[in-house]
């Protein structure tokens, strides 16, 4: 994420917050401030998330606080 958005990791740690927000209440993803990667916070269970749907999509947005 940091590379795709051309974010400086030191600036993120000092004056910005970066957080992924997904549909629903469960937070499946987190931002690793040391590497700039998105990481899973828990196991994502397709059967629980999508039930009988043929396509399973987890929609998320990444919020970057502060100026870009």
Protein backbone atom coordinates (compact mmCIF):
# COMPACT_ATOMS: atom_id res chain seq x y z
CA UNK A 1 0.00 0.00 0.00
CA UNK A 2 2.73 2.46 0.93
CA UNK A 3 4.54 1.81 -2.36
CA UNK A 4 1.34 2.05 -4.46
CA UNK A 5 0.38 5.37 -2.82
CA UNK A 6 4.00 6.67 -2.80
CA UNK A 7 3.87 7.19 0.96
CA UNK A 8 6.96 7.74 3.09
CA UNK A 9 6.81 5.21 5.95
CA UNK A 10 8.51 7.60 8.38
CA UNK A 11 5.86 10.27 7.68
CA UNK A 12 3.10 7.71 8.20
CA UNK A 13 4.40 6.77 11.62
CA UNK A 14 4.88 10.39 12.71
CA UNK A 15 1.84 12.34 11.53
CA UNK A 16 -0.55 10.09 9.64
CA UNK A 17 -2.75 7.16 10.39
CA UNK A 18 -3.38 4.52 7.75
CA UNK A 19 -6.16 2.03 8.28
CA UNK A 20 -8.11 -0.34 6.09
CA UNK A 21 -11.91 -0.35 6.50
CA UNK A 22 -13.88 -3.35 5.21
CA UNK A 23 -17.59 -4.02 4.91
CA UNK A 24 -19.17 -5.35 8.08
CA UNK A 25 -17.95 -5.19 11.64
CA UNK A 26 -14.99 -7.57 11.46
CA UNK A 27 -11.61 -6.00 10.76
CA UNK A 28 -9.91 -8.55 8.54
CA UNK A 29 -6.97 -6.37 7.52
CA UNK A 30 -4.45 -4.08 9.19
CA UNK A 31 -1.66 -1.82 7.95
CA UNK A 32 1.88 -2.74 8.97
CA UNK A 33 3.65 0.59 9.56
CA UNK A 34 7.13 -0.97 9.36
CA UNK A 35 6.71 -2.59 5.93
CA UNK A 36 3.81 -0.63 4.39
CA UNK A 37 1.95 -3.88 3.66
CA UNK A 38 -1.63 -4.88 4.33
CA UNK A 39 -1.79 -7.95 6.55
CA UNK A 40 -4.64 -10.18 7.68
CA UNK A 41 -5.64 -9.84 11.32
CA UNK A 42 -7.54 -13.10 11.48
CA UNK A 43 -8.55 -16.04 9.35
CA UNK A 44 -10.98 -15.11 6.55
CA UNK A 45 -13.65 -17.83 6.32
CA UNK A 46 -15.17 -17.80 2.83
CA UNK A 47 -18.17 -19.92 3.81
CA UNK A 48 -19.01 -17.60 6.69
CA UNK A 49 -18.38 -14.42 4.71
CA UNK A 50 -20.19 -15.29 1.46
CA UNK A 51 -22.41 -18.25 2.33
CA UNK A 52 -23.82 -19.56 -0.98
CA UNK A 53 -22.53 -16.81 -3.29
CA UNK A 54 -20.54 -18.05 -6.27
CA UNK A 55 -18.16 -15.06 -6.19
CA UNK A 56 -16.73 -14.01 -2.86
CA UNK A 57 -15.46 -10.43 -2.66
CA UNK A 58 -14.24 -8.61 0.44
CA UNK A 59 -14.52 -4.90 -0.28
CA UNK A 60 -12.18 -2.62 1.64
CA UNK A 61 -10.98 0.96 1.51
CA UNK A 62 -7.73 2.36 2.85
CA UNK A 63 -8.09 5.58 4.86
CA UNK A 64 -5.00 7.82 5.00
CA UNK A 65 -5.29 10.60 7.57
CA UNK A 66 -3.55 13.91 6.98
CA UNK A 67 -2.40 15.48 3.75
CA UNK A 68 -1.23 13.47 0.79
